[in-house]
């Protein structure tokens, strides 16, 4: 298992439309394990394969919600292979989103509050479920990556430009400090 480099905007690979997974084999299992290691190390709650340079329809999510008693984050790693949104609710919710490919930048994004989704897990088992809350938002965010879409594409041009300028400034500041 390895920590993989995360591609950051404006890298054009992030605009690649990912291809469906044809076979669940040892290479895919290794990629999934590496994606979890990379996501936890970042740290993040979701990662699409294209963010580590692999244009396959695979994503991993772990909301790492805190235990009620101890407050410790409980890991619940979930793999989504060839995910599809079958239906989105008319009701929408707004979440403050961020992205490992747009580091340290956040903005409110409106998406359907619930979605009916289908996907295969790492064992090839097909799932179809109604998802809501942060999981629904995270799945939609990560699935956007599979289509070459970033969360900043959901913002107005003005907000997107401001966010990208902040990112450029932060990168320059970090380069000076290094």
Protein backbone atom coordinates (compact mmCIF):
# COMPACT_ATOMS: atom_id res chain seq x y z
CA UNK A 1 0.00 0.00 0.00
CA UNK A 2 1.21 3.46 -0.87
CA UNK A 3 0.44 7.14 -0.55
CA UNK A 4 -0.14 8.38 -4.09
CA UNK A 5 0.39 11.97 -5.29
CA UNK A 6 -2.90 13.89 -5.55
CA UNK A 7 -3.37 15.86 -8.76
CA UNK A 8 -4.29 19.50 -8.15
CA UNK A 9 -6.06 22.07 -10.27
CA UNK A 10 -5.32 23.33 -12.92
CA UNK A 11 -3.89 19.96 -14.04
CA UNK A 12 -5.86 19.06 -17.21
CA UNK A 13 -6.08 15.40 -16.16
CA UNK A 14 -8.75 16.45 -13.65
CA UNK A 15 -10.98 17.25 -16.66
CA UNK A 16 -10.74 13.68 -18.00
CA UNK A 17 -13.94 11.64 -18.19
CA UNK A 18 -13.20 8.36 -16.45
CA UNK A 19 -13.88 5.00 -18.11
CA UNK A 20 -15.90 2.18 -16.57
CA UNK A 21 -14.12 -0.58 -14.66
CA UNK A 22 -14.21 -3.78 -16.73
CA UNK A 23 -12.75 -6.22 -14.18
CA UNK A 24 -12.16 -6.32 -10.47
CA UNK A 25 -8.65 -7.72 -10.31
CA UNK A 26 -5.56 -7.52 -8.10
CA UNK A 27 -4.45 -4.23 -9.72
CA UNK A 28 -7.82 -2.63 -8.93
CA UNK A 29 -7.73 -3.94 -5.34
CA UNK A 30 -4.24 -2.44 -4.92
CA UNK A 31 -5.45 0.89 -6.38
CA UNK A 32 -8.40 0.91 -3.93
CA UNK A 33 -6.09 0.24 -0.96
CA UNK A 34 -3.69 2.97 -2.12
CA UNK A 35 -6.59 5.39 -2.57
CA UNK A 36 -7.74 4.82 1.02
CA UNK A 37 -4.17 5.29 2.31
CA UNK A 38 -3.87 8.50 0.27
CA UNK A 39 -7.27 9.84 1.39
CA UNK A 40 -6.62 9.16 5.08
CA UNK A 41 -3.14 10.69 4.85
CA UNK A 42 -4.38 13.88 3.13
CA UNK A 43 -6.72 13.92 5.23
CA UNK A 44 -10.02 13.75 3.36
CA UNK A 45 -13.37 11.95 3.31
CA UNK A 46 -13.53 11.05 -0.39
CA UNK A 47 -11.22 10.45 -3.32
CA UNK A 48 -11.82 9.61 -6.99
CA UNK A 49 -9.29 7.55 -8.93
CA UNK A 50 -8.70 10.39 -11.42
CA UNK A 51 -7.38 12.50 -8.53
CA UNK A 52 -4.43 10.10 -8.34
CA UNK A 53 -4.06 9.97 -12.13
CA UNK A 54 -6.13 6.87 -12.88
CA UNK A 55 -9.09 7.61 -15.20
CA UNK A 56 -11.29 4.76 -13.94
CA UNK A 57 -14.79 5.02 -12.47
CA UNK A 58 -13.71 4.21 -8.91
CA UNK A 59 -14.06 6.27 -5.78
CA UNK A 60 -13.62 5.76 -2.08
CA UNK A 61 -15.50 7.47 0.74
CA UNK A 62 -15.19 7.36 4.51
CA UNK A 63 -17.02 10.06 6.44
CA UNK A 64 -15.16 9.00 9.61
CA UNK A 65 -18.01 10.13 11.82
CA UNK A 66 -17.26 10.41 15.54
CA UNK A 67 -18.33 7.71 17.99
CA UNK A 68 -21.16 8.96 20.23
CA UNK A 69 -19.39 7.96 23.45
CA UNK A 70 -15.67 8.39 22.84
CA UNK A 71 -15.74 11.09 20.15
CA UNK A 72 -13.12 9.05 18.25
CA UNK A 73 -13.53 8.92 14.47
CA UNK A 74 -14.96 5.59 13.39
CA UNK A 75 -13.74 4.39 10.01
CA UNK A 76 -16.34 3.09 7.60
CA UNK A 77 -14.47 2.74 4.30
CA UNK A 78 -16.80 2.37 1.31
CA UNK A 79 -15.79 1.64 -2.28
CA UNK A 80 -17.92 2.74 -5.23
CA UNK A 81 -17.10 1.12 -8.59
CA UNK A 82 -18.98 2.36 -11.67
CA UNK A 83 -21.39 4.40 -9.50
CA UNK A 84 -24.55 5.87 -10.98
CA UNK A 85 -27.11 8.32 -9.65
CA UNK A 86 -30.49 6.91 -10.58
CA UNK A 87 -32.54 9.72 -9.09
CA UNK A 88 -31.99 12.95 -7.18
CA UNK A 89 -34.49 14.61 -4.88
CA UNK A 90 -36.15 17.90 -5.75
CA UNK A 91 -35.19 19.08 -2.27
CA UNK A 92 -31.67 20.49 -2.15
CA UNK A 93 -29.14 21.02 0.61
CA UNK A 94 -26.08 23.25 0.85
CA UNK A 95 -22.76 22.02 2.22
CA UNK A 96 -19.43 23.75 2.63
CA UNK A 97 -17.35 21.66 0.22
CA UNK A 98 -13.62 21.33 -0.17
CA UNK A 99 -11.49 19.11 -2.36
CA UNK A 100 -8.08 17.50 -2.10
CA UNK A 101 -7.45 18.67 -5.69
CA UNK A 102 -8.28 22.28 -4.73
CA UNK A 103 -6.37 22.33 -1.42
CA UNK A 104 -7.51 24.44 1.52
CA UNK A 105 -10.30 26.15 -0.43
CA UNK A 106 -13.96 25.83 0.54
CA UNK A 107 -17.30 27.07 -0.77
CA UNK A 108 -20.98 26.38 -0.33
CA UNK A 109 -22.40 24.09 -3.02
CA UNK A 110 -26.06 23.22 -3.51
CA UNK A 111 -26.92 19.65 -4.52
CA UNK A 112 -29.90 17.28 -4.25
CA UNK A 113 -30.41 16.41 -0.57
CA UNK A 114 -30.99 12.71 -1.28
CA UNK A 115 -30.04 10.46 -4.18
CA UNK A 116 -30.84 6.94 -5.22
CA UNK A 117 -27.55 5.43 -6.34
CA UNK A 118 -26.21 2.13 -7.59
CA UNK A 119 -22.63 0.88 -7.55
CA UNK A 120 -20.45 -2.18 -7.20
CA UNK A 121 -18.31 -2.74 -4.12
CA UNK A 122 -14.75 -4.09 -4.21
CA UNK A 123 -16.10 -7.67 -4.22
CA UNK A 124 -18.31 -7.07 -7.26
CA UNK A 125 -21.54 -6.97 -5.24
CA UNK A 126 -24.07 -4.54 -6.70
CA UNK A 127 -25.74 -2.10 -4.30
CA UNK A 128 -28.70 0.20 -4.80
CA UNK A 129 -29.55 2.55 -1.96
CA UNK A 130 -31.13 5.85 -1.06
CA UNK A 131 -28.41 8.10 0.38
CA UNK A 132 -28.87 11.37 2.23
CA UNK A 133 -26.96 14.02 4.16
CA UNK A 134 -23.19 14.28 3.91
CA UNK A 135 -22.88 10.86 2.24
CA UNK A 136 -25.18 11.93 -0.62
CA UNK A 137 -23.24 15.17 -1.02
CA UNK A 138 -19.87 13.44 -0.91
CA UNK A 139 -20.95 10.82 -3.46
CA UNK A 140 -22.17 13.54 -5.84
CA UNK A 141 -18.93 15.50 -5.35
CA UNK A 142 -16.74 12.46 -6.06
CA UNK A 143 -18.90 11.36 -8.99
CA UNK A 144 -18.43 14.82 -10.52
CA UNK A 145 -14.71 13.99 -10.68
CA UNK A 146 -15.56 10.97 -12.86
CA UNK A 147 -17.04 13.42 -15.37
CA UNK A 148 -14.15 15.90 -15.20
CA UNK A 149 -16.09 18.33 -12.99
CA UNK A 150 -14.71 20.06 -9.88
CA UNK A 151 -16.81 21.53 -7.06
CA UNK A 152 -15.65 25.00 -8.12
CA UNK A 153 -17.51 24.50 -11.42
CA UNK A 154 -20.76 24.76 -9.41
CA UNK A 155 -19.85 28.29 -8.26
CA UNK A 156 -20.53 31.58 -9.97
CA UNK A 157 -17.68 32.83 -12.15
CA UNK A 158 -16.90 35.56 -9.59
CA UNK A 159 -16.71 33.13 -6.63
CA UNK A 160 -14.69 30.62 -8.66
CA UNK A 161 -12.19 33.29 -9.78
CA UNK A 162 -11.81 34.57 -6.20
CA UNK A 163 -11.23 31.06 -4.88
CA UNK A 164 -8.63 30.29 -7.59
CA UNK A 165 -6.81 33.57 -6.84
CA UNK A 166 -6.67 32.61 -3.14
CA UNK A 167 -5.29 29.20 -4.13
CA UNK A 168 -2.61 30.79 -6.34
CA UNK A 169 -1.63 33.20 -3.54
CA UNK A 170 -1.44 30.33 -1.01
CA UNK A 171 0.80 28.35 -3.37
CA UNK A 172 3.12 31.35 -3.82
CA UNK A 173 3.25 31.93 -0.06
CA UNK A 174 4.04 28.24 0.53
CA UNK A 175 6.78 28.31 -2.10
CA UNK A 176 8.39 31.34 -0.44
CA UNK A 177 8.24 29.68 2.98
CA UNK A 178 9.85 26.47 1.69
